[in-house]
C-alpha atoms as a PDB file:
ATOM      1  CA  MET A   1      17.024 -16.242  12.606  1.00  0.00           C
ATOM      2  CA  ARG A   2      20.191 -16.284  10.522  1.00  0.00           C
ATOM      3  CA  ARG A   3      22.667 -13.517  11.259  1.00  0.00           C
ATOM      4  CA  THR A   4      22.421 -12.068   7.745  1.00  0.00           C
ATOM      5  CA  ASP A   5      18.635 -11.914   8.082  1.00  0.00           C
ATOM      6  CA  ARG A   6      18.964 -10.268  11.489  1.00  0.00           C
ATOM      7  CA  LEU A   7      21.298  -7.584  10.145  1.00  0.00           C
ATOM      8  CA  PHE A   8      18.855  -6.907   7.350  1.00  0.00           C
ATOM      9  CA  GLN A   9      15.966  -6.653   9.820  1.00  0.00           C
ATOM     10  CA  ILE A  10      17.896  -4.200  12.015  1.00  0.00           C
ATOM     11  CA  ILE A  11      18.270  -1.906   9.005  1.00  0.00           C
ATOM     12  CA  GLN A  12      14.573  -2.302   8.199  1.00  0.00           C
ATOM     13  CA  VAL A  13      13.494  -1.401  11.725  1.00  0.00           C
ATOM     14  CA  LEU A  14      15.758   1.654  11.795  1.00  0.00           C
ATOM     15  CA  ARG A  15      14.575   2.687   8.335  1.00  0.00           C
ATOM     16  CA  GLY A  16      10.956   2.598   9.467  1.00  0.00           C
ATOM     17  CA  SER A  17      11.447   4.698  12.608  1.00  0.00           C
ATOM     18  CA  ARG A  18      11.715   8.478  12.831  1.00  0.00           C
ATOM     19  CA  ARG A  19      13.127   8.336  16.351  1.00  0.00           C
ATOM     20  CA  PRO A  20      16.184   6.609  17.810  1.00  0.00           C
ATOM     21  CA  VAL A  21      15.592   2.920  18.459  1.00  0.00           C
ATOM     22  CA  THR A  22      17.279   1.406  21.508  1.00  0.00           C
ATOM     23  CA  ALA A  23      19.072  -1.925  21.508  1.00  0.00           C
ATOM     24  CA  ALA A  24      16.474  -3.242  23.952  1.00  0.00           C
ATOM     25  CA  VAL A  25      13.664  -2.490  21.483  1.00  0.00           C
ATOM     26  CA  LEU A  26      15.599  -4.125  18.650  1.00  0.00           C
ATOM     27  CA  ALA A  27      16.301  -7.174  20.823  1.00  0.00           C
ATOM     28  CA  ARG A  28      12.592  -7.618  21.596  1.00  0.00           C
ATOM     29  CA  GLU A  29      11.644  -7.104  17.952  1.00  0.00           C
ATOM     30  CA  LEU A  30      14.154  -9.669  16.693  1.00  0.00           C
ATOM     31  CA  GLU A  31      13.901 -12.048  19.667  1.00  0.00           C
ATOM     32  CA  THR A  32      17.565 -11.951  20.543  1.00  0.00           C
ATOM     33  CA  SER A  33      19.785 -10.492  23.268  1.00  0.00           C
ATOM     34  CA  VAL A  34      20.791  -6.871  23.728  1.00  0.00           C
ATOM     35  CA  ARG A  35      24.437  -7.948  23.622  1.00  0.00           C
ATOM     36  CA  THR A  36      23.870  -9.512  20.191  1.00  0.00           C
ATOM     37  CA  ILE A  37      22.268  -6.289  18.954  1.00  0.00           C
ATOM     38  CA  TYR A  38      25.254  -4.237  20.130  1.00  0.00           C
ATOM     39  CA  ARG A  39      27.567  -6.599  18.264  1.00  0.00           C
ATOM     40  CA  ASP A  40      25.406  -6.440  15.128  1.00  0.00           C
ATOM     41  CA  ILE A  41      25.342  -2.629  15.199  1.00  0.00           C
ATOM     42  CA  VAL A  42      29.127  -2.547  15.359  1.00  0.00           C
ATOM     43  CA  ASP A  43      29.332  -4.948  12.422  1.00  0.00           C
ATOM     44  CA  LEU A  44      26.903  -2.852  10.360  1.00  0.00           C
ATOM     45  CA  MET A  45      28.868   0.312  11.077  1.00  0.00           C
ATOM     46  CA  ALA A  46      32.038  -1.517  10.008  1.00  0.00           C
ATOM     47  CA  GLN A  47      30.300  -2.282   6.718  1.00  0.00           C
ATOM     48  CA  ARG A  48      29.730   1.479   6.302  1.00  0.00           C
ATOM     49  CA  VAL A  49      26.006   1.382   6.966  1.00  0.00           C
ATOM     50  CA  PRO A  50      25.351   4.986   8.148  1.00  0.00           C
ATOM     51  CA  ILE A  51      23.996   4.255  11.621  1.00  0.00           C
ATOM     52  CA  ARG A  52      24.360   6.926  14.307  1.00  0.00           C
ATOM     53  CA  GLY A  53      23.811   6.611  18.046  1.00  0.00           C
ATOM     54  CA  GLU A  54      25.110   4.936  21.134  1.00  0.00           C
ATOM     55  CA  ALA A  55      24.185   2.405  23.776  1.00  0.00           C
ATOM     56  CA  GLY A  56      21.434   3.538  26.121  1.00  0.00           C
ATOM     57  CA  ILE A  57      20.254   6.333  23.811  1.00  0.00           C
ATOM     58  CA  GLY A  58      19.338   4.543  20.625  1.00  0.00           C
ATOM     59  CA  TYR A  59      20.261   4.303  16.974  1.00  0.00           C
ATOM     60  CA  VAL A  60      19.067   5.977  13.784  1.00  0.00           C
ATOM     61  CA  LEU A  61      19.719   5.294  10.113  1.00  0.00           C
ATOM     62  CA  GLU A  62      20.816   8.364   8.189  1.00  0.00           C
ATOM     63  CA  ASP A  63      18.672   9.509   5.290  1.00  0.00           C
ATOM     64  CA  GLY A  64      19.680   8.514   1.795  1.00  0.00           C
ATOM     65  CA  TYR A  65      20.971   5.053   2.579  1.00  0.00           C
ATOM     66  CA  GLU A  66      20.146   2.663  -0.246  1.00  0.00           C
ATOM     67  CA  MET A  67      20.172  -1.076   0.296  1.00  0.00           C
ATOM     68  CA  PRO A  68      21.029  -3.546  -2.468  1.00  0.00           C
ATOM     69  CA  PRO A  69      17.838  -4.262  -4.455  1.00  0.00           C
ATOM     70  CA  LEU A  70      15.504  -7.036  -3.372  1.00  0.00           C
ATOM     71  CA  MET A  71      17.326  -8.361  -0.324  1.00  0.00           C
ATOM     72  CA  LEU A  72      14.145 -10.202   0.587  1.00  0.00           C
ATOM     73  CA  THR A  73      13.485 -12.761   3.281  1.00  0.00           C
ATOM     74  CA  PRO A  74      11.273 -15.810   2.581  1.00  0.00           C
ATOM     75  CA  ASP A  75       8.430 -14.221   4.573  1.00  0.00           C
ATOM     76  CA  GLU A  76       8.694 -11.006   2.529  1.00  0.00           C
ATOM     77  CA  ILE A  77       8.642 -12.968  -0.727  1.00  0.00           C
ATOM     78  CA  GLU A  78       5.534 -14.889   0.325  1.00  0.00           C
ATOM     79  CA  ALA A  79       3.882 -11.643   1.408  1.00  0.00           C
ATOM     80  CA  ALA A  80       4.591 -10.168  -2.039  1.00  0.00           C
ATOM     81  CA  VAL A  81       3.272 -13.299  -3.766  1.00  0.00           C
ATOM     82  CA  LEU A  82       0.097 -13.351  -1.675  1.00  0.00           C
ATOM     83  CA  GLY A  83      -0.600  -9.658  -2.231  1.00  0.00           C
ATOM     84  CA  ALA A  84       0.127  -9.851  -5.949  1.00  0.00           C
ATOM     85  CA  ALA A  85      -2.041 -12.952  -6.317  1.00  0.00           C
ATOM     86  CA  TRP A  86      -4.974 -11.157  -4.678  1.00  0.00           C
ATOM     87  CA  VAL A  87      -4.512  -8.120  -6.928  1.00  0.00           C
ATOM     88  CA  ALA A  88      -4.204 -10.333 -10.017  1.00  0.00           C
ATOM     89  CA  ARG A  89      -7.537 -11.931  -9.085  1.00  0.00           C
ATOM     90  CA  ASN A  90      -9.463  -8.908  -7.808  1.00  0.00           C
ATOM     91  CA  GLY A  91      -7.788  -5.839  -9.306  1.00  0.00           C
ATOM     92  CA  ASP A  92      -8.790  -4.027 -12.461  1.00  0.00           C
ATOM     93  CA  PRO A  93      -7.076  -5.213 -15.672  1.00  0.00           C
ATOM     94  CA  ALA A  94      -4.161  -2.754 -15.483  1.00  0.00           C
ATOM     95  CA  LEU A  95      -3.400  -3.577 -11.839  1.00  0.00           C
ATOM     96  CA  ALA A  96      -3.830  -7.302 -12.450  1.00  0.00           C
ATOM     97  CA  ARG A  97      -1.308  -7.141 -15.282  1.00  0.00           C
ATOM     98  CA  GLY A  98       1.044  -5.136 -13.054  1.00  0.00           C
ATOM     99  CA  ALA A  99       0.755  -7.772 -10.304  1.00  0.00           C
ATOM    100  CA  ARG A 100       1.690 -10.578 -12.684  1.00  0.00           C
ATOM    101  CA  ASP A 101       4.605  -8.558 -14.054  1.00  0.00           C
ATOM    102  CA  LEU A 102       5.783  -7.839 -10.497  1.00  0.00           C
ATOM    103  CA  ILE A 103       6.041 -11.528  -9.657  1.00  0.00           C
ATOM    104  CA  ALA A 104       7.943 -12.171 -12.889  1.00  0.00           C
ATOM    105  CA  LYS A 105      10.402  -9.364 -12.098  1.00  0.00           C
ATOM    106  CA  ILE A 106      10.971 -10.612  -8.564  1.00  0.00           C
ATOM    107  CA  GLY A 107      11.648 -14.052 -10.008  1.00  0.00           C
ATOM    108  CA  ASP A 108      14.303 -12.606 -12.304  1.00  0.00           C
ATOM    109  CA  VAL A 109      16.371 -11.070  -9.497  1.00  0.00           C
ATOM    110  CA  VAL A 110      15.938 -13.098  -6.305  1.00  0.00           C
ATOM    111  CA  PRO A 111      18.756 -15.519  -5.475  1.00  0.00           C
ATOM    112  CA  THR A 112      18.366 -19.045  -6.835  1.00  0.00           C
ATOM    113  CA  HIS A 113      17.866 -20.597  -3.396  1.00  0.00           C
ATOM    114  CA  LEU A 114      14.807 -18.357  -2.794  1.00  0.00           C
ATOM    115  CA  ARG A 115      13.026 -19.050  -6.075  1.00  0.00           C
ATOM    116  CA  PRO A 116      11.140 -22.078  -4.706  1.00  0.00           C
ATOM    117  CA  VAL A 117       9.590 -19.748  -2.126  1.00  0.00           C
ATOM    118  CA  LEU A 118       8.340 -17.580  -4.977  1.00  0.00           C
ATOM    119  CA  PHE A 119       7.126 -20.199  -7.421  1.00  0.00           C
ATOM    120  CA  ASP A 120       6.162 -23.043  -5.033  1.00  0.00           C
ATOM    121  CA  SER A 121       4.518 -20.942  -2.329  1.00  0.00           C
ATOM    122  CA  MET A 122       2.477 -22.744   0.329  1.00  0.00           C
ATOM    123  CA  ILE A 123      -0.091 -19.910   0.484  1.00  0.00           C
ATOM    124  CA  THR A 124      -2.565 -18.541  -2.028  1.00  0.00           C
ATOM    125  CA  ALA A 125      -5.217 -15.842  -2.316  1.00  0.00           C
ATOM    126  CA  ALA A 126      -8.634 -17.513  -2.374  1.00  0.00           C
ATOM    127  CA  SER A 127     -11.756 -15.727  -3.527  1.00  0.00           C
ATOM    128  CA  HIS A 128     -15.313 -16.932  -4.151  1.00  0.00           C
ATOM    129  CA  ALA A 129     -16.540 -13.650  -5.613  1.00  0.00           C
ATOM    130  CA  THR A 130     -16.206 -12.167  -9.076  1.00  0.00           C
ATOM    131  CA  PRO A 131     -15.749  -8.372  -8.951  1.00  0.00           C
ATOM    132  CA  ALA A 132     -18.470  -6.340 -10.620  1.00  0.00           C
ATOM    133  CA  PRO A 133     -17.185  -4.876 -13.913  1.00  0.00           C
ATOM    134  CA  ASP A 134     -15.850  -1.314 -13.738  1.00  0.00           C
ATOM    135  CA  THR A 135     -17.596   1.304 -15.850  1.00  0.00           C
ATOM    136  CA  ILE A 136     -14.786   3.839 -15.468  1.00  0.00           C
ATOM    137  CA  ASP A 137     -11.205   3.702 -16.737  1.00  0.00           C
ATOM    138  CA  MET A 138      -9.413   2.664 -13.532  1.00  0.00           C
ATOM    139  CA  ALA A 139      -5.931   3.455 -14.820  1.00  0.00           C
ATOM    140  CA  ARG A 140      -6.999   7.024 -15.635  1.00  0.00           C
ATOM    141  CA  LEU A 141      -8.753   7.254 -12.285  1.00  0.00           C
ATOM    142  CA  ARG A 142      -5.588   6.323 -10.393  1.00  0.00           C
ATOM    143  CA  ALA A 143      -3.669   8.889 -12.451  1.00  0.00           C
ATOM    144  CA  ALA A 144      -6.287  11.505 -11.540  1.00  0.00           C
ATOM    145  CA  ILE A 145      -5.805  10.702  -7.852  1.00  0.00           C
ATOM    146  CA  ARG A 146      -2.029  11.066  -8.149  1.00  0.00           C
ATOM    147  CA  ASN A 147      -2.447  14.396  -9.973  1.00  0.00           C
ATOM    148  CA  ARG A 148      -5.325  15.685  -7.797  1.00  0.00           C
ATOM    149  CA  GLY A 149      -7.559  15.837 -10.856  1.00  0.00           C
ATOM    150  CA  LYS A 150     -11.315  16.386 -10.770  1.00  0.00           C
ATOM    151  CA  VAL A 151     -13.694  13.942 -12.436  1.00  0.00           C
ATOM    152  CA  ARG A 152     -17.246  14.578 -13.630  1.00  0.00           C
ATOM    153  CA  ILE A 153     -19.339  11.436 -13.241  1.00  0.00           C
ATOM    154  CA  VAL A 154     -22.880  10.335 -13.978  1.00  0.00           C
ATOM    155  CA  TYR A 155     -23.771   8.075 -11.072  1.00  0.00           C
ATOM    156  CA  ALA A 156     -26.688   5.698 -10.520  1.00  0.00           C
ATOM    157  CA  THR A 157     -27.755   4.703  -7.020  1.00  0.00           C
ATOM    158  CA  GLU A 158     -29.249   1.372  -6.026  1.00  0.00           C
ATOM    159  CA  GLY A 159     -32.623   2.501  -7.313  1.00  0.00           C
ATOM    160  CA  THR A 160     -33.269   4.356 -10.556  1.00  0.00           C
ATOM    161  CA  ARG A 161     -31.986   7.776  -9.434  1.00  0.00           C
ATOM    162  CA  VAL A 162     -29.146   9.158 -11.573  1.00  0.00           C
ATOM    163  CA  SER A 163     -27.166  12.309 -10.851  1.00  0.00           C
ATOM    164  CA  GLU A 164     -24.225  14.188 -12.324  1.00  0.00           C
ATOM    165  CA  ARG A 165     -21.460  15.256  -9.955  1.00  0.00           C
ATOM    166  CA  VAL A 166     -17.934  16.652  -9.968  1.00  0.00           C
ATOM    167  CA  VAL A 167     -15.796  14.743  -7.488  1.00  0.00           C
ATOM    168  CA  TRP A 168     -12.255  14.904  -6.106  1.00  0.00           C
ATOM    169  CA  PRO A 169     -11.168  11.245  -5.921  1.00  0.00           C
ATOM    170  CA  ILE A 170      -8.748  10.534  -3.071  1.00  0.00           C
ATOM    171  CA  PHE A 171      -8.356   6.746  -3.123  1.00  0.00           C
ATOM    172  CA  VAL A 172      -9.831   3.493  -4.411  1.00  0.00           C
ATOM    173  CA  ALA A 173     -10.796   0.613  -2.105  1.00  0.00           C
ATOM    174  CA  TYR A 174     -10.695  -2.871  -3.644  1.00  0.00           C
ATOM    175  CA  PHE A 175     -13.139  -5.373  -2.161  1.00  0.00           C
ATOM    176  CA  GLU A 176     -13.761  -8.916  -3.353  1.00  0.00           C
ATOM    177  CA  SER A 177     -16.966  -8.117  -5.209  1.00  0.00           C
ATOM    178  CA  ILE A 178     -16.854  -4.342  -5.736  1.00  0.00           C
ATOM    179  CA  ARG A 179     -14.465  -1.419  -6.025  1.00  0.00           C
ATOM    180  CA  MET A 180     -15.206   1.879  -4.367  1.00  0.00           C
ATOM    181  CA  ILE A 181     -13.989   5.427  -4.938  1.00  0.00           C
ATOM    182  CA  ALA A 182     -13.716   7.668  -1.892  1.00  0.00           C
ATOM    183  CA  ALA A 183     -14.088  11.293  -2.938  1.00  0.00           C
ATOM    184  CA  TRP A 184     -15.124  14.800  -2.023  1.00  0.00           C
ATOM    185  CA  CYS A 185     -18.357  15.635  -3.859  1.00  0.00           C
ATOM    186  CA  GLU A 186     -18.761  19.260  -4.951  1.00  0.00           C
ATOM    187  CA  MET A 187     -22.531  18.911  -5.299  1.00  0.00           C
ATOM    188  CA  ARG A 188     -23.019  17.507  -1.778  1.00  0.00           C
ATOM    189  CA  GLU A 189     -20.145  19.557  -0.323  1.00  0.00           C
ATOM    190  CA  GLY A 190     -19.002  16.516   1.585  1.00  0.00           C
ATOM    191  CA  PHE A 191     -17.375  13.108   1.343  1.00  0.00           C
ATOM    192  CA  ARG A 192     -19.116  10.401  -0.610  1.00  0.00           C
ATOM    193  CA  ASN A 193     -18.260   6.824  -1.655  1.00  0.00           C
ATOM    194  CA  PHE A 194     -19.023   5.650  -5.197  1.00  0.00           C
ATOM    195  CA  ARG A 195     -19.128   2.115  -6.556  1.00  0.00           C
ATOM    196  CA  THR A 196     -17.225   1.892  -9.832  1.00  0.00           C
ATOM    197  CA  ASP A 197     -19.846  -0.396 -11.404  1.00  0.00           C
ATOM    198  CA  ARG A 198     -22.570   2.246 -10.923  1.00  0.00           C
ATOM    199  CA  ILE A 199     -20.787   5.026 -12.808  1.00  0.00           C
ATOM    200  CA  ARG A 200     -22.613   5.540 -16.085  1.00  0.00           C
ATOM    201  CA  ALA A 201     -20.134   8.022 -17.584  1.00  0.00           C
ATOM    202  CA  ALA A 202     -16.915   9.753 -16.536  1.00  0.00           C
ATOM    203  CA  ASP A 203     -15.145  12.826 -17.851  1.00  0.00           C
ATOM    204  CA  PHE A 204     -11.610  13.428 -16.558  1.00  0.00           C
ATOM    205  CA  LEU A 205     -11.315  17.191 -16.231  1.00  0.00           C
ATOM    206  CA  ASP A 206      -8.270  19.412 -16.597  1.00  0.00           C
ATOM    207  CA  ASP A 207      -9.186  21.171 -13.335  1.00  0.00           C
ATOM    208  CA  ARG A 208      -7.111  20.365 -10.260  1.00  0.00           C
ATOM    209  CA  TYR A 209      -8.108  20.716  -6.627  1.00  0.00           C
ATOM    210  CA  ASN A 210      -5.611  22.468  -4.370  1.00  0.00           C
ATOM    211  CA  VAL A 211      -6.318  20.619  -1.120  1.00  0.00           C
ATOM    212  CA  ASP A 212      -3.620  18.282   0.221  1.00  0.00           C
ATOM    213  CA  VAL A 213      -4.585  14.666  -0.545  1.00  0.00           C
ATOM    214  CA  LYS A 214      -3.227  13.385   2.772  1.00  0.00           C
ATOM    215  CA  GLN A 215      -5.405  15.859   4.636  1.00  0.00           C
ATOM    216  CA  LEU A 216      -8.447  14.832   2.601  1.00  0.00           C
ATOM    217  CA  ARG A 217      -7.831  11.178   3.419  1.00  0.00           C
ATOM    218  CA  SER A 218      -7.457  11.985   7.098  1.00  0.00           C
ATOM    219  CA  ASP A 219     -10.708  13.960   7.022  1.00  0.00           C
ATOM    220  CA  TRP A 220     -12.429  11.110   5.167  1.00  0.00           C
ATOM    221  CA  TRP A 221     -11.431   8.637   7.905  1.00  0.00           C
ATOM    222  CA  ALA A 222     -12.764  10.994  10.572  1.00  0.00           C
ATOM    223  CA  HIS A 223     -16.010  11.371   8.584  1.00  0.00           C
ATOM    224  CA  GLU A 224     -16.472   7.596   8.285  1.00  0.00           C
ATOM    225  CA  LEU A 225     -15.733   6.970  11.949  1.00  0.00           C
ATOM    226  CA  SER A 226     -18.132   9.711  13.007  1.00  0.00           C
ATOM    227  CA  ARG A 227     -20.896   7.848  11.156  1.00  0.00           C
ATOM    228  CA  GLY A 228     -19.931   4.561  12.787  1.00  0.00           C
ATOM    229  CA  ARG A 229     -18.984   2.898   9.567  1.00  0.00           C
ATOM    230  CA  TYR A 230     -16.094   2.250   7.229  1.00  0.00           C
ATOM    231  CA  ALA A 231     -16.138   2.391   3.432  1.00  0.00           C
ATOM    232  CA  VAL A 232     -19.829   1.734   2.845  1.00  0.00           C
ATOM    233  CA  PRO A 233     -20.672   2.764  -0.747  1.00  0.00           C
ATOM    234  CA  ASP A 234     -23.398   5.364  -1.129  1.00  0.00           C
ATOM    235  CA  SER A 235     -26.729   4.040  -2.316  1.00  0.00           C
END
């Protein structure tokens, strides 16, 4: 690993940890020696990177530190390309457009020597399935999730049964062939999963639910695990 890449990775590791990280942990993570890590920490501090700590105790990165934009490694660029390619292929129209725009923006700002990694990538997102068409405005749905908005839907199950429900959407799962909304259902007084292609009508309400979204997502995971399954759409 080049030294500049290693310095960048040290900052990334410290940024992602809430506790002090020792030089030994950094050395294992970056596959180098503890002595090299000590030297790199000193160099970063000399460059006014706000790292606090000492040998044997660990190091932390102070809050508020902003790195120069898009200091990306080749692996990070390929990860972004792969993820964006999958979204462009399998996401709803708004997300697909956003994925294509993201790649274009990265291409505008990455250094010249890294552009071949972006535009001549050796990896691609393959898919043999065509997602079922959404029957709900996905952009408005994502906005409702961000704003904790309630949605009234008319939903059809696998058979002919149709029901009207008010739901609290908490996230959307994108699969190759379907998209699924995880939500709290007021009618069932419990968590339910809804396929977006089975929604016959949707009304985005002004009402907001006051429950913390993170807590709802945590409870949803516990609910799914208790049933021995993960993200199986209701039928």
